[in-house]
Amino acid sequence: KARAISMDLLSALARAIGEPASFFEDKFDTP
């Protein structure tokens, strides 16, 4: 559960700093 929340948080952070919301998705599939 904590990993899933953290992934959602990264998507939000990407938007907040001006990157696409999907920027981190393929970089955390085997974190």
Full PDB file with SEQRES, HELIX, SHEET, SSBOND, CRYST1, ORIGX, SCALE, CONECT and MASTER records, all heavy atoms in Angstrom:
SEQRES   1 A   31  LYS ALA ARG ALA ILE SER MET ASP LEU LEU SER ALA LEU          
SEQRES   2 A   31  ALA ARG ALA ILE GLY GLU PRO ALA SER PHE PHE GLU ASP          
SEQRES   3 A   31  LYS PHE ASP THR PRO                                          
HELIX    1 AA1 ALA A    2  ALA A   16  1                                  15    
HELIX    2 AA2 GLU A   25  LYS A   27  5                                   3    
CRYST1    1.000    1.000    1.000  90.00  90.00  90.00 P 1           1          
ORIGX1      1.000000  0.000000  0.000000        0.00000                         
ORIGX2      0.000000  1.000000  0.000000        0.00000                         
ORIGX3      0.000000  0.000000  1.000000        0.00000                         
SCALE1      1.000000  0.000000  0.000000        0.00000                         
SCALE2      0.000000  1.000000  0.000000        0.00000                         
SCALE3      0.000000  0.000000  1.000000        0.00000                         
ATOM      1  N   LYS A   1       0.825  -1.212   0.000  1.00  0.00           N  
ATOM      2  CA  LYS A   1       0.000   0.000   0.000  1.00  0.00           C  
ATOM      3  C   LYS A   1       0.859   1.261   0.000  1.00  0.00           C  
ATOM      4  O   LYS A   1       0.551   2.237  -0.692  1.00  0.00           O  
ATOM      5  CB  LYS A   1      -0.929   0.003   1.215  1.00  0.00           C  
ATOM      6  CG  LYS A   1      -2.139  -0.885   1.074  1.00  0.00           C  
ATOM      7  CD  LYS A   1      -3.170  -0.576   2.151  1.00  0.00           C  
ATOM      8  CE  LYS A   1      -4.467  -1.318   1.911  1.00  0.00           C  
ATOM      9  NZ  LYS A   1      -5.507  -0.952   2.895  1.00  0.00           N  
ATOM     10  N   ALA A   2       1.934   1.253   0.764  1.00  0.00           N  
ATOM     11  CA  ALA A   2       2.795   2.438   0.846  1.00  0.00           C  
ATOM     12  C   ALA A   2       3.456   2.725  -0.500  1.00  0.00           C  
ATOM     13  O   ALA A   2       3.604   3.898  -0.894  1.00  0.00           O  
ATOM     14  CB  ALA A   2       3.846   2.253   1.933  1.00  0.00           C  
ATOM     15  N   ARG A   3       3.849   1.693  -1.228  1.00  0.00           N  
ATOM     16  CA  ARG A   3       4.432   1.906  -2.557  1.00  0.00           C  
ATOM     17  C   ARG A   3       3.414   2.504  -3.522  1.00  0.00           C  
ATOM     18  O   ARG A   3       3.745   3.379  -4.333  1.00  0.00           O  
ATOM     19  CB  ARG A   3       4.987   0.596  -3.130  1.00  0.00           C  
ATOM     20  CG  ARG A   3       6.184   0.034  -2.384  1.00  0.00           C  
ATOM     21  CD  ARG A   3       7.011  -0.915  -3.231  1.00  0.00           C  
ATOM     22  NE  ARG A   3       6.257  -1.933  -3.931  1.00  0.00           N  
ATOM     23  CZ  ARG A   3       5.923  -3.115  -3.423  1.00  0.00           C  
ATOM     24  NH1 ARG A   3       6.271  -3.419  -2.171  1.00  0.00           N  
ATOM     25  NH2 ARG A   3       5.274  -3.998  -4.145  1.00  0.00           N  
ATOM     26  N   ALA A   4       2.173   2.014  -3.460  1.00  0.00           N  
ATOM     27  CA  ALA A   4       1.137   2.535  -4.362  1.00  0.00           C  
ATOM     28  C   ALA A   4       0.873   4.011  -4.095  1.00  0.00           C  
ATOM     29  O   ALA A   4       0.744   4.813  -5.034  1.00  0.00           O  
ATOM     30  CB  ALA A   4      -0.147   1.719  -4.205  1.00  0.00           C  
ATOM     31  N   ILE A   5       0.797   4.399  -2.821  1.00  0.00           N  
ATOM     32  CA  ILE A   5       0.587   5.807  -2.477  1.00  0.00           C  
ATOM     33  C   ILE A   5       1.776   6.646  -2.942  1.00  0.00           C  
ATOM     34  O   ILE A   5       1.617   7.748  -3.487  1.00  0.00           O  
ATOM     35  CB  ILE A   5       0.364   5.968  -0.960  1.00  0.00           C  
ATOM     36  CG1 ILE A   5      -0.918   5.238  -0.529  1.00  0.00           C  
ATOM     37  CG2 ILE A   5       0.285   7.450  -0.578  1.00  0.00           C  
ATOM     38  CD1 ILE A   5      -1.054   5.107   0.976  1.00  0.00           C  
ATOM     39  N   SER A   6       2.980   6.117  -2.752  1.00  0.00           N  
ATOM     40  CA  SER A   6       4.182   6.851  -3.155  1.00  0.00           C  
ATOM     41  C   SER A   6       4.217   7.058  -4.664  1.00  0.00           C  
ATOM     42  O   SER A   6       4.666   8.110  -5.145  1.00  0.00           O  
ATOM     43  CB  SER A   6       5.435   6.100  -2.689  1.00  0.00           C  
ATOM     44  OG  SER A   6       5.488   6.046  -1.278  1.00  0.00           O  
ATOM     45  N   MET A   7       3.745   6.074  -5.423  1.00  0.00           N  
ATOM     46  CA  MET A   7       3.714   6.232  -6.880  1.00  0.00           C  
ATOM     47  C   MET A   7       2.724   7.319  -7.282  1.00  0.00           C  
ATOM     48  O   MET A   7       3.010   8.140  -8.172  1.00  0.00           O  
ATOM     49  CB  MET A   7       3.340   4.894  -7.522  1.00  0.00           C  
ATOM     50  CG  MET A   7       3.685   4.803  -8.990  1.00  0.00           C  
ATOM     51  SD  MET A   7       5.466   4.808  -9.314  1.00  0.00           S  
ATOM     52  CE  MET A   7       5.637   6.293 -10.324  1.00  0.00           C  
ATOM     53  N   ASP A   8       1.565   7.339  -6.624  1.00  0.00           N  
ATOM     54  CA  ASP A   8       0.595   8.416  -6.884  1.00  0.00           C  
ATOM     55  C   ASP A   8       1.190   9.776  -6.531  1.00  0.00           C  
ATOM     56  O   ASP A   8       0.963  10.774  -7.230  1.00  0.00           O  
ATOM     57  CB  ASP A   8      -0.683   8.182  -6.075  1.00  0.00           C  
ATOM     58  CG  ASP A   8      -1.525   7.029  -6.601  1.00  0.00           C  
ATOM     59  OD1 ASP A   8      -1.336   6.637  -7.776  1.00  0.00           O  
ATOM     60  OD2 ASP A   8      -2.363   6.517  -5.837  1.00  0.00           O  
ATOM     61  N   LEU A   9       1.950   9.798  -5.454  1.00  0.00           N  
ATOM     62  CA  LEU A   9       2.573  11.052  -5.029  1.00  0.00           C  
ATOM     63  C   LEU A   9       3.599  11.530  -6.055  1.00  0.00           C  
ATOM     64  O   LEU A   9       3.689  12.733  -6.353  1.00  0.00           O  
ATOM     65  CB  LEU A   9       3.222  10.861  -3.662  1.00  0.00           C  
ATOM     66  CG  LEU A   9       3.898  12.069  -3.031  1.00  0.00           C  
ATOM     67  CD1 LEU A   9       2.950  13.243  -2.917  1.00  0.00           C  
ATOM     68  CD2 LEU A   9       4.437  11.685  -1.642  1.00  0.00           C  
ATOM     69  N   LEU A  10       4.360  10.599  -6.633  1.00  0.00           N  
ATOM     70  CA  LEU A  10       5.324  10.977  -7.657  1.00  0.00           C  
ATOM     71  C   LEU A  10       4.634  11.553  -8.892  1.00  0.00           C  
ATOM     72  O   LEU A  10       5.136  12.504  -9.510  1.00  0.00           O  
ATOM     73  CB  LEU A  10       6.177   9.773  -8.059  1.00  0.00           C  
ATOM     74  CG  LEU A  10       7.307   9.386  -7.102  1.00  0.00           C  
ATOM     75  CD1 LEU A  10       7.993   8.127  -7.605  1.00  0.00           C  
ATOM     76  CD2 LEU A  10       8.310  10.517  -6.941  1.00  0.00           C  
ATOM     77  N   SER A  11       3.498  10.987  -9.262  1.00  0.00           N  
ATOM     78  CA  SER A  11       2.753  11.522 -10.407  1.00  0.00           C  
ATOM     79  C   SER A  11       2.310  12.955 -10.139  1.00  0.00           C  
ATOM     80  O   SER A  11       2.416  13.831 -11.003  1.00  0.00           O  
ATOM     81  CB  SER A  11       1.541  10.638 -10.707  1.00  0.00           C  
ATOM     82  OG  SER A  11       1.950   9.347 -11.117  1.00  0.00           O  
ATOM     83  N   ALA A  12       1.812  13.185  -8.925  1.00  0.00           N  
ATOM     84  CA  ALA A  12       1.393  14.542  -8.553  1.00  0.00           C  
ATOM     85  C   ALA A  12       2.586  15.486  -8.518  1.00  0.00           C  
ATOM     86  O   ALA A  12       2.507  16.639  -8.962  1.00  0.00           O  
ATOM     87  CB  ALA A  12       0.683  14.513  -7.204  1.00  0.00           C  
ATOM     88  N   LEU A  13       3.700  15.001  -7.990  1.00  0.00           N  
ATOM     89  CA  LEU A  13       4.898  15.841  -7.915  1.00  0.00           C  
ATOM     90  C   LEU A  13       5.395  16.208  -9.307  1.00  0.00           C  
ATOM     91  O   LEU A  13       5.823  17.339  -9.552  1.00  0.00           O  
ATOM     92  CB  LEU A  13       5.985  15.126  -7.124  1.00  0.00           C  
ATOM     93  CG  LEU A  13       7.300  15.887  -6.959  1.00  0.00           C  
ATOM     94  CD1 LEU A  13       7.091  17.166  -6.155  1.00  0.00           C  
ATOM     95  CD2 LEU A  13       8.344  15.015  -6.283  1.00  0.00           C  
ATOM     96  N   ALA A  14       5.337  15.244 -10.233  1.00  0.00           N  
ATOM     97  CA  ALA A  14       5.751  15.529 -11.602  1.00  0.00           C  
ATOM     98  C   ALA A  14       4.942  16.691 -12.169  1.00  0.00           C  
ATOM     99  O   ALA A  14       5.501  17.630 -12.758  1.00  0.00           O  
ATOM    100  CB  ALA A  14       5.593  14.280 -12.468  1.00  0.00           C  
ATOM    101  N   ARG A  15       3.631  16.644 -11.981  1.00  0.00           N  
ATOM    102  CA  ARG A  15       2.785  17.741 -12.458  1.00  0.00           C  
ATOM    103  C   ARG A  15       3.164  19.058 -11.775  1.00  0.00           C  
ATOM    104  O   ARG A  15       3.212  20.115 -12.405  1.00  0.00           O  
ATOM    105  CB  ARG A  15       1.311  17.431 -12.194  1.00  0.00           C  
ATOM    106  CG  ARG A  15       0.723  16.354 -13.072  1.00  0.00           C  
ATOM    107  CD  ARG A  15      -0.803  16.335 -12.972  1.00  0.00           C  
ATOM    108  NE  ARG A  15      -1.266  15.968 -11.644  1.00  0.00           N  
ATOM    109  CZ  ARG A  15      -1.576  14.734 -11.270  1.00  0.00           C  
ATOM    110  NH1 ARG A  15      -1.485  13.736 -12.144  1.00  0.00           N  
ATOM    111  NH2 ARG A  15      -1.999  14.488 -10.053  1.00  0.00           N  
ATOM    112  N   ALA A  16       3.440  18.977 -10.472  1.00  0.00           N  
ATOM    113  CA  ALA A  16       3.713  20.185  -9.701  1.00  0.00           C  
ATOM    114  C   ALA A  16       4.990  20.887 -10.159  1.00  0.00           C  
ATOM    115  O   ALA A  16       5.093  22.115 -10.084  1.00  0.00           O  
ATOM    116  CB  ALA A  16       3.800  19.852  -8.213  1.00  0.00           C  
ATOM    117  N   ILE A  17       5.979  20.111 -10.646  1.00  0.00           N  
ATOM    118  CA  ILE A  17       7.251  20.732 -11.048  1.00  0.00           C  
ATOM    119  C   ILE A  17       7.354  20.907 -12.560  1.00  0.00           C  
ATOM    120  O   ILE A  17       8.426  21.214 -13.085  1.00  0.00           O  
ATOM    121  CB  ILE A  17       8.466  19.944 -10.511  1.00  0.00           C  
ATOM    122  CG1 ILE A  17       8.523  18.539 -11.113  1.00  0.00           C  
ATOM    123  CG2 ILE A  17       8.450  19.907  -8.988  1.00  0.00           C  
ATOM    124  CD1 ILE A  17       9.794  17.773 -10.759  1.00  0.00           C  
ATOM    125  N   GLY A  18       6.230  20.679 -13.263  1.00  0.00           N  
ATOM    126  CA  GLY A  18       6.203  20.990 -14.681  1.00  0.00           C  
ATOM    127  C   GLY A  18       6.564  19.868 -15.626  1.00  0.00           C  
ATOM    128  O   GLY A  18       6.811  20.100 -16.812  1.00  0.00           O  
ATOM    129  N   GLU A  19       6.587  18.619 -15.119  1.00  0.00           N  
ATOM    130  CA  GLU A  19       6.829  17.464 -15.974  1.00  0.00           C  
ATOM    131  C   GLU A  19       5.492  16.758 -16.245  1.00  0.00           C  
ATOM    132  O   GLU A  19       4.524  16.952 -15.510  1.00  0.00           O  
ATOM    133  CB  GLU A  19       7.810  16.491 -15.306  1.00  0.00           C  
ATOM    134  CG  GLU A  19       9.185  17.062 -15.015  1.00  0.00           C  
ATOM    135  CD  GLU A  19       9.975  17.394 -16.268  1.00  0.00           C  
ATOM    136  OE1 GLU A  19       9.667  16.825 -17.339  1.00  0.00           O  
ATOM    137  OE2 GLU A  19      10.899  18.232 -16.185  1.00  0.00           O  
ATOM    138  N   PRO A  20       5.417  15.906 -17.268  1.00  0.00           N  
ATOM    139  CA  PRO A  20       4.195  15.125 -17.485  1.00  0.00           C  
ATOM    140  C   PRO A  20       3.897  14.237 -16.284  1.00  0.00           C  
ATOM    141  O   PRO A  20       4.818  13.725 -15.625  1.00  0.00           O  
ATOM    142  CB  PRO A  20       4.526  14.280 -18.719  1.00  0.00           C  
ATOM    143  CG  PRO A  20       5.651  14.982 -19.392  1.00  0.00           C  
ATOM    144  CD  PRO A  20       6.443  15.650 -18.304  1.00  0.00           C  
ATOM    145  N   ALA A  21       2.616  14.022 -15.990  1.00  0.00           N  
ATOM    146  CA  ALA A  21       2.234  13.197 -14.842  1.00  0.00           C  
ATOM    147  C   ALA A  21       2.795  11.783 -14.939  1.00  0.00           C  
ATOM    148  O   ALA A  21       3.035  11.124 -13.922  1.00  0.00           O  
ATOM    149  CB  ALA A  21       0.710  13.155 -14.720  1.00  0.00           C  
ATOM    150  N   SER A  22       3.031  11.310 -16.175  1.00  0.00           N  
ATOM    151  CA  SER A  22       3.532   9.938 -16.389  1.00  0.00           C  
ATOM    152  C   SER A  22       5.058   9.854 -16.370  1.00  0.00           C  
ATOM    153  O   SER A  22       5.616   8.779 -16.609  1.00  0.00           O  
ATOM    154  CB  SER A  22       3.020   9.421 -17.740  1.00  0.00           C  
ATOM    155  OG  SER A  22       3.493  10.256 -18.805  1.00  0.00           O  
ATOM    156  N   PHE A  23       5.741  10.958 -16.072  1.00  0.00           N  
ATOM    157  CA  PHE A  23       7.203  11.005 -16.218  1.00  0.00           C  
ATOM    158  C   PHE A  23       7.904   9.870 -15.464  1.00  0.00           C  
ATOM    159  O   PHE A  23       8.857   9.267 -15.958  1.00  0.00           O  
ATOM    160  CB  PHE A  23       7.739  12.355 -15.737  1.00  0.00           C  
ATOM    161  CG  PHE A  23       9.231  12.484 -15.841  1.00  0.00           C  
ATOM    162  CD1 PHE A  23       9.824  12.824 -17.052  1.00  0.00           C  
ATOM    163  CD2 PHE A  23      10.057  12.248 -14.748  1.00  0.00           C  
ATOM    164  CE1 PHE A  23      11.206  12.930 -17.169  1.00  0.00           C  
ATOM    165  CE2 PHE A  23      11.433  12.344 -14.848  1.00  0.00           C  
ATOM    166  CZ  PHE A  23      12.005  12.693 -16.066  1.00  0.00           C  
ATOM    167  N   PHE A  24       7.444   9.561 -14.242  1.00  0.00           N  
ATOM    168  CA  PHE A  24       8.154   8.584 -13.407  1.00  0.00           C  
ATOM    169  C   PHE A  24       7.652   7.147 -13.575  1.00  0.00           C  
ATOM    170  O   PHE A  24       8.267   6.225 -13.033  1.00  0.00           O  
ATOM    171  CB  PHE A  24       8.030   8.980 -11.932  1.00  0.00           C  
ATOM    172  CG  PHE A  24       8.707  10.282 -11.594  1.00  0.00           C  
ATOM    173  CD1 PHE A  24       7.955  11.414 -11.296  1.00  0.00           C  
ATOM    174  CD2 PHE A  24      10.084  10.388 -11.586  1.00  0.00           C  
ATOM    175  CE1 PHE A  24       8.568  12.613 -10.985  1.00  0.00           C  
ATOM    176  CE2 PHE A  24      10.711  11.589 -11.276  1.00  0.00           C  
ATOM    177  CZ  PHE A  24       9.956  12.702 -10.974  1.00  0.00           C  
ATOM    178  N   GLU A  25       6.552   6.933 -14.286  1.00  0.00           N  
ATOM    179  CA  GLU A  25       5.886   5.628 -14.274  1.00  0.00           C  
ATOM    180  C   GLU A  25       6.795   4.481 -14.696  1.00  0.00           C  
ATOM    181  O   GLU A  25       6.906   3.466 -14.005  1.00  0.00           O  
ATOM    182  CB  GLU A  25       4.645   5.666 -15.167  1.00  0.00           C  
ATOM    183  CG  GLU A  25       3.470   6.414 -14.547  1.00  0.00           C  
ATOM    184  CD  GLU A  25       2.253   6.408 -15.430  1.00  0.00           C  
ATOM    185  OE1 GLU A  25       2.278   5.735 -16.490  1.00  0.00           O  
ATOM    186  OE2 GLU A  25       1.254   7.070 -15.066  1.00  0.00           O  
ATOM    187  N   ASP A  26       7.465   4.601 -15.848  1.00  0.00           N  
ATOM    188  CA  ASP A  26       8.277   3.495 -16.350  1.00  0.00           C  
ATOM    189  C   ASP A  26       9.624   3.393 -15.636  1.00  0.00           C  
ATOM    190  O   ASP A  26      10.391   2.463 -15.888  1.00  0.00           O  
ATOM    191  CB  ASP A  26       8.485   3.619 -17.857  1.00  0.00           C  
ATOM    192  CG  ASP A  26       9.258   4.876 -18.258  1.00  0.00           C  
ATOM    193  OD1 ASP A  26       9.365   5.809 -17.424  1.00  0.00           O  
ATOM    194  OD2 ASP A  26       9.749   4.937 -19.404  1.00  0.00           O  
ATOM    195  N   LYS A  27       9.894   4.325 -14.768  1.00  0.00           N  
ATOM    196  CA  LYS A  27      11.167   4.336 -14.043  1.00  0.00           C  
ATOM    197  C   LYS A  27      11.048   3.697 -12.660  1.00  0.00           C  
ATOM    198  O   LYS A  27      12.035   3.577 -11.942  1.00  0.00           O  
ATOM    199  CB  LYS A  27      11.678   5.775 -13.918  1.00  0.00           C  
ATOM    200  CG  LYS A  27      11.858   6.458 -15.294  1.00  0.00           C  
ATOM    201  CD  LYS A  27      12.085   7.942 -15.164  1.00  0.00           C  
ATOM    202  CE  LYS A  27      12.238   8.619 -16.522  1.00  0.00           C  
ATOM    203  NZ  LYS A  27      11.002   8.578 -17.328  1.00  0.00           N  
ATOM    204  N   PHE A  28       9.843   3.294 -12.277  1.00  0.00           N  
ATOM    205  CA  PHE A  28       9.608   2.707 -10.954  1.00  0.00           C  
ATOM    206  C   PHE A  28       8.836   1.381 -11.050  1.00  0.00           C  
ATOM    207  O   PHE A  28       8.167   1.000 -10.115  1.00  0.00           O  
ATOM    208  CB  PHE A  28       8.820   3.690 -10.074  1.00  0.00           C  
ATOM    209  CG  PHE A  28       9.647   4.814  -9.508  1.00  0.00           C  
ATOM    210  CD1 PHE A  28       9.976   5.913 -10.289  1.00  0.00           C  
ATOM    211  CD2 PHE A  28      10.105   4.778  -8.196  1.00  0.00           C  
ATOM    212  CE1 PHE A  28      10.735   6.963  -9.773  1.00  0.00           C  
ATOM    213  CE2 PHE A  28      10.866   5.813  -7.672  1.00  0.00           C  
ATOM    214  CZ  PHE A  28      11.177   6.911  -8.458  1.00  0.00           C  
ATOM    215  N   ASP A  29       8.957   0.665 -12.203  1.00  0.00           N  
ATOM    216  CA  ASP A  29       8.212  -0.594 -12.297  1.00  0.00           C  
ATOM    217  C   ASP A  29       8.911  -1.745 -11.565  1.00  0.00           C  
ATOM    218  O   ASP A  29       8.282  -2.728 -11.193  1.00  0.00           O  
ATOM    219  CB  ASP A  29       7.894  -0.961 -13.749  1.00  0.00           C  
ATOM    220  CG  ASP A  29       9.112  -0.923 -14.664  1.00  0.00           C  
ATOM    221  OD1 ASP A  29      10.254  -0.946 -14.148  1.00  0.00           O  
ATOM    222  OD2 ASP A  29       8.909  -0.871 -15.893  1.00  0.00           O  
ATOM    223  N   THR A  30      10.220  -1.618 -11.334  1.00  0.00           N  
ATOM    224  CA  THR A  30      10.950  -2.556 -10.459  1.00  0.00           C  
ATOM    225  C   THR A  30      11.807  -1.710  -9.521  1.00  0.00           C  
ATOM    226  O   THR A  30      13.040  -1.680  -9.612  1.00  0.00           O  
ATOM    227  CB  THR A  30      11.823  -3.529 -11.282  1.00  0.00           C  
ATOM    228  OG1 THR A  30      11.055  -4.095 -12.336  1.00  0.00           O  
ATOM    229  CG2 THR A  30      12.344  -4.673 -10.401  1.00  0.00           C  
ATOM    230  N   PRO A  31      11.164  -0.996  -8.608  1.00  0.00           N  
ATOM    231  CA  PRO A  31      11.890   0.029  -7.855  1.00  0.00           C  
ATOM    232  C   PRO A  31      12.857  -0.552  -6.831  1.00  0.00           C  
ATOM    233  O   PRO A  31      12.679  -1.665  -6.320  1.00  0.00           O  
ATOM    234  CB  PRO A  31      10.760   0.787  -7.147  1.00  0.00           C  
ATOM    235  CG  PRO A  31       9.685  -0.239  -6.970  1.00  0.00           C  
ATOM    236  CD  PRO A  31       9.751  -1.093  -8.205  1.00  0.00           C  
TER     237      PRO A  31                                                      
MASTER        0    0    0    2    0    0    0    6  236    1    0    3          
END                                                                             
